[in-house]
């Protein structure tokens, strides 16, 4: 399943790199990262808050603990990265691309 997801995302990247400019590619993949981060953080939160007892053997329990630990670390690192790069992320998501700029805005953007 993960291999199909990786291949699909790689093909989407190839197609967007051929058909779109860099600003659009950055917006698409940053938005995808943010959405996946929110979903992962919510899933970890639900796992932590539900405290459900699950009948598993020792091997399954260790694998689920590793998955839970890695997802928790990813969520924590995601929060840190979003805080560190909040201005850049805001600029990427909400900045106008060169096609959206008109007149003087386009001339000034070349020199900054």
N, C-alpha and C. Protein backbone atom coordinates (compact mmCIF):
# COMPACT_ATOMS: atom_id res chain seq x y z
N UNK A 1 0.82 -1.19 0.00
CA UNK A 1 0.00 0.00 0.00
C UNK A 1 0.86 1.26 0.00
N UNK A 2 1.90 1.29 0.86
CA UNK A 2 2.75 2.46 0.95
C UNK A 2 3.54 2.67 -0.34
N UNK A 3 3.90 1.57 -0.99
CA UNK A 3 4.64 1.68 -2.24
C UNK A 3 3.77 2.33 -3.32
N UNK A 4 2.50 1.97 -3.38
CA UNK A 4 1.59 2.58 -4.35
C UNK A 4 1.42 4.07 -4.07
N UNK A 5 1.33 4.43 -2.82
CA UNK A 5 1.20 5.83 -2.44
C UNK A 5 2.45 6.61 -2.82
N UNK A 6 3.62 6.04 -2.56
CA UNK A 6 4.87 6.70 -2.93
C UNK A 6 4.97 6.88 -4.44
N UNK A 7 4.64 5.85 -5.20
CA UNK A 7 4.70 5.94 -6.66
C UNK A 7 3.71 6.98 -7.18
N UNK A 8 2.51 7.01 -6.62
CA UNK A 8 1.50 7.99 -7.05
C UNK A 8 1.97 9.41 -6.77
N UNK A 9 2.51 9.66 -5.59
CA UNK A 9 3.01 10.99 -5.26
C UNK A 9 4.20 11.38 -6.13
N UNK A 10 5.05 10.42 -6.44
CA UNK A 10 6.18 10.69 -7.32
C UNK A 10 5.70 11.06 -8.72
N UNK A 11 4.70 10.35 -9.23
CA UNK A 11 4.14 10.69 -10.55
C UNK A 11 3.46 12.05 -10.54
N UNK A 12 2.77 12.37 -9.45
CA UNK A 12 2.15 13.70 -9.34
C UNK A 12 3.23 14.77 -9.33
N UNK A 13 4.34 14.51 -8.65
CA UNK A 13 5.43 15.48 -8.65
C UNK A 13 6.01 15.66 -10.05
N UNK A 14 6.22 14.57 -10.76
CA UNK A 14 6.76 14.66 -12.13
C UNK A 14 5.81 15.46 -13.02
N UNK A 15 4.51 15.16 -12.94
CA UNK A 15 3.54 15.88 -13.77
C UNK A 15 3.47 17.35 -13.42
N UNK A 16 3.47 17.68 -12.12
CA UNK A 16 3.41 19.09 -11.76
C UNK A 16 4.70 19.81 -12.11
N UNK A 17 5.84 19.13 -12.04
CA UNK A 17 7.09 19.79 -12.41
C UNK A 17 7.16 20.09 -13.90
N UNK A 18 6.49 19.27 -14.70
CA UNK A 18 6.48 19.51 -16.14
C UNK A 18 5.43 20.55 -16.54
N UNK A 19 4.34 20.66 -15.80
CA UNK A 19 3.23 21.50 -16.21
C UNK A 19 3.06 22.79 -15.41
N UNK A 20 3.69 22.90 -14.25
CA UNK A 20 3.45 24.06 -13.39
C UNK A 20 4.78 24.72 -13.02
N UNK A 21 4.69 25.96 -12.57
CA UNK A 21 5.90 26.64 -12.14
C UNK A 21 6.24 26.24 -10.70
N UNK A 22 7.41 26.70 -10.24
CA UNK A 22 7.90 26.27 -8.92
C UNK A 22 7.01 26.73 -7.78
N UNK A 23 6.41 27.90 -7.91
CA UNK A 23 5.56 28.41 -6.82
C UNK A 23 4.35 27.52 -6.61
N UNK A 24 3.75 27.06 -7.69
CA UNK A 24 2.58 26.17 -7.59
C UNK A 24 2.99 24.83 -7.00
N UNK A 25 4.13 24.31 -7.41
CA UNK A 25 4.61 23.04 -6.87
C UNK A 25 4.84 23.16 -5.36
N UNK A 26 5.46 24.25 -4.94
CA UNK A 26 5.70 24.45 -3.51
C UNK A 26 4.39 24.56 -2.75
N UNK A 27 3.42 25.26 -3.31
CA UNK A 27 2.12 25.40 -2.64
C UNK A 27 1.43 24.05 -2.49
N UNK A 28 1.44 23.26 -3.55
CA UNK A 28 0.76 21.96 -3.54
C UNK A 28 1.38 21.03 -2.51
N UNK A 29 2.70 20.91 -2.53
CA UNK A 29 3.33 19.96 -1.63
C UNK A 29 3.40 20.45 -0.20
N UNK A 30 3.47 21.77 0.03
CA UNK A 30 3.39 22.27 1.39
C UNK A 30 1.99 22.06 1.96
N UNK A 31 0.98 22.28 1.15
CA UNK A 31 -0.40 22.03 1.59
C UNK A 31 -0.60 20.55 1.89
N UNK A 32 -0.05 19.67 1.06
CA UNK A 32 -0.15 18.23 1.31
C UNK A 32 0.55 17.85 2.61
N UNK A 33 1.72 18.45 2.86
CA UNK A 33 2.42 18.17 4.12
C UNK A 33 1.59 18.65 5.31
N UNK A 34 1.04 19.84 5.22
CA UNK A 34 0.26 20.37 6.34
C UNK A 34 -0.98 19.52 6.61
N UNK A 35 -1.66 19.08 5.58
CA UNK A 35 -2.84 18.24 5.74
C UNK A 35 -2.46 16.89 6.36
N UNK A 36 -1.39 16.27 5.88
CA UNK A 36 -0.97 14.99 6.45
C UNK A 36 -0.49 15.16 7.88
N UNK A 37 0.15 16.28 8.19
CA UNK A 37 0.56 16.55 9.57
C UNK A 37 -0.64 16.67 10.50
N UNK A 38 -1.66 17.38 10.08
CA UNK A 38 -2.85 17.55 10.91
C UNK A 38 -3.55 16.21 11.12
N UNK A 39 -3.66 15.41 10.07
CA UNK A 39 -4.31 14.10 10.18
C UNK A 39 -3.52 13.19 11.13
N UNK A 40 -2.19 13.18 11.01
CA UNK A 40 -1.36 12.35 11.88
C UNK A 40 -1.46 12.81 13.33
N UNK A 41 -1.41 14.12 13.55
CA UNK A 41 -1.51 14.63 14.92
C UNK A 41 -2.87 14.29 15.52
N UNK A 42 -3.94 14.39 14.74
CA UNK A 42 -5.27 14.05 15.24
C UNK A 42 -5.37 12.55 15.55
N UNK A 43 -4.79 11.71 14.70
CA UNK A 43 -4.82 10.27 14.95
C UNK A 43 -4.06 9.90 16.22
N UNK A 44 -2.89 10.52 16.41
CA UNK A 44 -2.12 10.25 17.63
C UNK A 44 -2.89 10.76 18.85
N UNK A 45 -3.52 11.90 18.71
CA UNK A 45 -4.31 12.44 19.82
C UNK A 45 -5.47 11.53 20.18
N UNK A 46 -6.17 11.01 19.18
CA UNK A 46 -7.28 10.09 19.45
C UNK A 46 -6.79 8.80 20.10
N UNK A 47 -5.63 8.29 19.64
CA UNK A 47 -5.08 7.09 20.26
C UNK A 47 -4.71 7.35 21.72
N UNK A 48 -4.15 8.52 21.97
CA UNK A 48 -3.72 8.84 23.34
C UNK A 48 -4.91 9.07 24.27
N UNK A 49 -5.95 9.72 23.77
CA UNK A 49 -7.08 10.07 24.62
C UNK A 49 -8.09 8.95 24.80
N UNK A 50 -8.17 8.01 23.85
CA UNK A 50 -9.20 6.98 23.95
C UNK A 50 -8.87 5.92 24.99
N UNK A 51 -7.57 5.61 25.17
CA UNK A 51 -7.13 4.61 26.17
C UNK A 51 -7.91 3.31 26.06
N UNK A 52 -8.09 2.83 24.86
CA UNK A 52 -8.82 1.58 24.67
C UNK A 52 -7.89 0.40 24.94
N UNK A 53 -8.44 -0.64 25.54
CA UNK A 53 -7.70 -1.88 25.73
C UNK A 53 -7.89 -2.74 24.49
N UNK A 54 -6.78 -3.16 23.94
CA UNK A 54 -6.82 -3.96 22.72
C UNK A 54 -6.15 -5.30 23.01
N UNK A 55 -6.77 -6.37 22.58
CA UNK A 55 -6.19 -7.69 22.79
C UNK A 55 -5.20 -7.96 21.66
N UNK A 56 -3.92 -7.98 22.00
CA UNK A 56 -2.86 -8.25 21.03
C UNK A 56 -1.81 -9.15 21.67
N UNK A 57 -1.07 -9.83 20.81
CA UNK A 57 0.05 -10.58 21.36
C UNK A 57 1.26 -9.65 21.44
N UNK A 58 2.35 -10.12 21.99
CA UNK A 58 3.52 -9.28 22.26
C UNK A 58 4.14 -8.72 20.97
N UNK A 59 4.16 -9.50 19.91
CA UNK A 59 4.77 -9.03 18.65
C UNK A 59 3.96 -7.88 18.05
N UNK A 60 2.64 -8.02 18.04
CA UNK A 60 1.80 -6.95 17.51
C UNK A 60 1.89 -5.70 18.37
N UNK A 61 1.95 -5.87 19.66
CA UNK A 61 2.03 -4.74 20.57
C UNK A 61 3.31 -3.95 20.35
N UNK A 62 4.42 -4.63 20.14
CA UNK A 62 5.68 -3.92 19.92
C UNK A 62 5.65 -3.14 18.60
N UNK A 63 5.05 -3.70 17.55
CA UNK A 63 4.97 -2.98 16.27
C UNK A 63 4.05 -1.77 16.39
N UNK A 64 2.94 -1.91 17.09
CA UNK A 64 2.04 -0.78 17.26
C UNK A 64 2.69 0.31 18.12
N UNK A 65 3.50 -0.09 19.09
CA UNK A 65 4.19 0.90 19.90
C UNK A 65 5.20 1.67 19.06
N UNK A 66 5.93 0.97 18.18
CA UNK A 66 6.89 1.64 17.30
C UNK A 66 6.18 2.60 16.36
N UNK A 67 5.04 2.19 15.82
CA UNK A 67 4.27 3.08 14.95
C UNK A 67 3.76 4.29 15.72
N UNK A 68 3.26 4.07 16.92
CA UNK A 68 2.77 5.17 17.75
C UNK A 68 3.90 6.12 18.11
N UNK A 69 5.06 5.58 18.47
CA UNK A 69 6.20 6.41 18.84
C UNK A 69 6.69 7.23 17.66
N UNK A 70 6.80 6.61 16.48
CA UNK A 70 7.26 7.36 15.30
C UNK A 70 6.25 8.42 14.89
N UNK A 71 4.96 8.13 14.97
CA UNK A 71 3.95 9.13 14.64
C UNK A 71 3.95 10.27 15.63
N UNK A 72 4.18 9.97 16.89
CA UNK A 72 4.27 11.03 17.91
C UNK A 72 5.48 11.92 17.67
N UNK A 73 6.60 11.31 17.33
CA UNK A 73 7.80 12.09 17.04
C UNK A 73 7.60 12.95 15.80
N UNK A 74 6.94 12.40 14.79
CA UNK A 74 6.68 13.16 13.58
C UNK A 74 5.77 14.35 13.87
N UNK A 75 4.78 14.16 14.71
CA UNK A 75 3.89 15.26 15.06
C UNK A 75 4.63 16.34 15.84
N UNK A 76 5.47 15.93 16.77
CA UNK A 76 6.24 16.92 17.56
C UNK A 76 7.23 17.68 16.68
N UNK A 77 7.94 16.97 15.81
CA UNK A 77 8.87 17.64 14.91
C UNK A 77 8.13 18.52 13.91
N UNK A 78 6.94 18.12 13.50
CA UNK A 78 6.14 18.95 12.61
C UNK A 78 5.75 20.27 13.25
N UNK A 79 5.38 20.23 14.53
CA UNK A 79 5.04 21.46 15.24
C UNK A 79 6.27 22.37 15.34
N UNK A 80 7.42 21.80 15.66
CA UNK A 80 8.65 22.58 15.76
C UNK A 80 9.00 23.20 14.41
N UNK A 81 8.92 22.40 13.33
CA UNK A 81 9.25 22.92 12.00
C UNK A 81 8.27 23.99 11.56
N UNK A 82 6.99 23.80 11.84
CA UNK A 82 6.02 24.82 11.46
C UNK A 82 6.27 26.11 12.24
N UNK A 83 6.67 26.01 13.49
CA UNK A 83 6.96 27.22 14.26
C UNK A 83 8.22 27.91 13.73
N UNK A 84 9.25 27.13 13.41
CA UNK A 84 10.49 27.72 12.93
C UNK A 84 10.34 28.37 11.56
N UNK A 85 9.57 27.75 10.70
CA UNK A 85 9.45 28.23 9.32
C UNK A 85 8.06 28.79 9.02
N UNK A 86 7.40 29.37 10.01
CA UNK A 86 6.03 29.85 9.84
C UNK A 86 5.94 30.97 8.81
N UNK A 87 6.91 31.87 8.77
CA UNK A 87 6.86 32.97 7.81
C UNK A 87 7.06 32.47 6.39
N UNK A 88 8.01 31.55 6.20
CA UNK A 88 8.24 31.00 4.88
C UNK A 88 7.04 30.20 4.40
N UNK A 89 6.45 29.43 5.29
CA UNK A 89 5.26 28.66 4.91
C UNK A 89 4.11 29.59 4.54
N UNK A 90 3.94 30.66 5.30
CA UNK A 90 2.89 31.63 5.00
C UNK A 90 3.12 32.27 3.64
N UNK A 91 4.39 32.64 3.34
CA UNK A 91 4.71 33.25 2.05
C UNK A 91 4.46 32.28 0.90
N UNK A 92 4.83 31.02 1.09
CA UNK A 92 4.64 30.04 0.02
C UNK A 92 3.16 29.82 -0.26
N UNK A 93 2.38 29.68 0.80
CA UNK A 93 0.96 29.38 0.60
C UNK A 93 0.15 30.56 0.10
N UNK A 94 0.49 31.78 0.52
CA UNK A 94 -0.38 32.91 0.22
C UNK A 94 0.25 33.99 -0.65
N UNK A 95 1.46 33.77 -1.16
CA UNK A 95 2.09 34.75 -2.04
C UNK A 95 1.50 34.62 -3.44
N UNK A 96 1.45 35.73 -4.14
CA UNK A 96 0.97 35.71 -5.51
C UNK A 96 2.06 35.17 -6.42
N UNK A 97 1.67 34.36 -7.39
CA UNK A 97 2.62 33.85 -8.37
C UNK A 97 2.81 34.89 -9.46
N UNK A 98 3.76 34.66 -10.35
CA UNK A 98 4.06 35.65 -11.37
C UNK A 98 2.89 35.87 -12.33
N UNK A 99 2.05 34.85 -12.54
CA UNK A 99 0.88 35.03 -13.40
C UNK A 99 -0.17 35.91 -12.74
N UNK A 100 -0.21 35.91 -11.38
CA UNK A 100 -1.20 36.69 -10.67
C UNK A 100 -0.78 38.14 -10.53
N UNK A 101 0.53 38.41 -10.61
CA UNK A 101 1.02 39.78 -10.48
C UNK A 101 0.72 40.57 -11.73
N UNK A 102 0.46 41.85 -11.57
CA UNK A 102 0.22 42.72 -12.71
C UNK A 102 0.94 44.03 -12.51
N UNK A 103 1.34 44.65 -13.59
CA UNK A 103 1.88 45.99 -13.56
C UNK A 103 3.14 46.13 -12.73
N UNK A 104 3.13 47.09 -11.80
CA UNK A 104 4.31 47.43 -11.02
C UNK A 104 4.71 46.32 -10.06
N UNK A 105 3.75 45.54 -9.61
CA UNK A 105 4.08 44.46 -8.69
C UNK A 105 5.04 43.48 -9.34
N UNK A 106 4.84 43.20 -10.63
CA UNK A 106 5.69 42.26 -11.33
C UNK A 106 7.10 42.82 -11.51
N UNK A 107 7.20 44.14 -11.82
CA UNK A 107 8.51 44.74 -11.98
C UNK A 107 9.29 44.76 -10.68
N UNK A 108 8.63 45.01 -9.56
CA UNK A 108 9.30 45.05 -8.26
C UNK A 108 9.70 43.67 -7.79
N UNK A 109 8.97 42.63 -8.19
CA UNK A 109 9.29 41.29 -7.71
C UNK A 109 10.58 40.76 -8.31
N UNK A 110 10.99 41.28 -9.45
CA UNK A 110 12.23 40.81 -10.06
C UNK A 110 13.45 41.24 -9.26
N UNK A 111 13.36 42.36 -8.55
CA UNK A 111 14.52 42.91 -7.87
C UNK A 111 14.58 42.53 -6.40
N UNK A 112 13.60 41.83 -5.89
CA UNK A 112 13.63 41.46 -4.47
C UNK A 112 14.06 40.04 -4.28
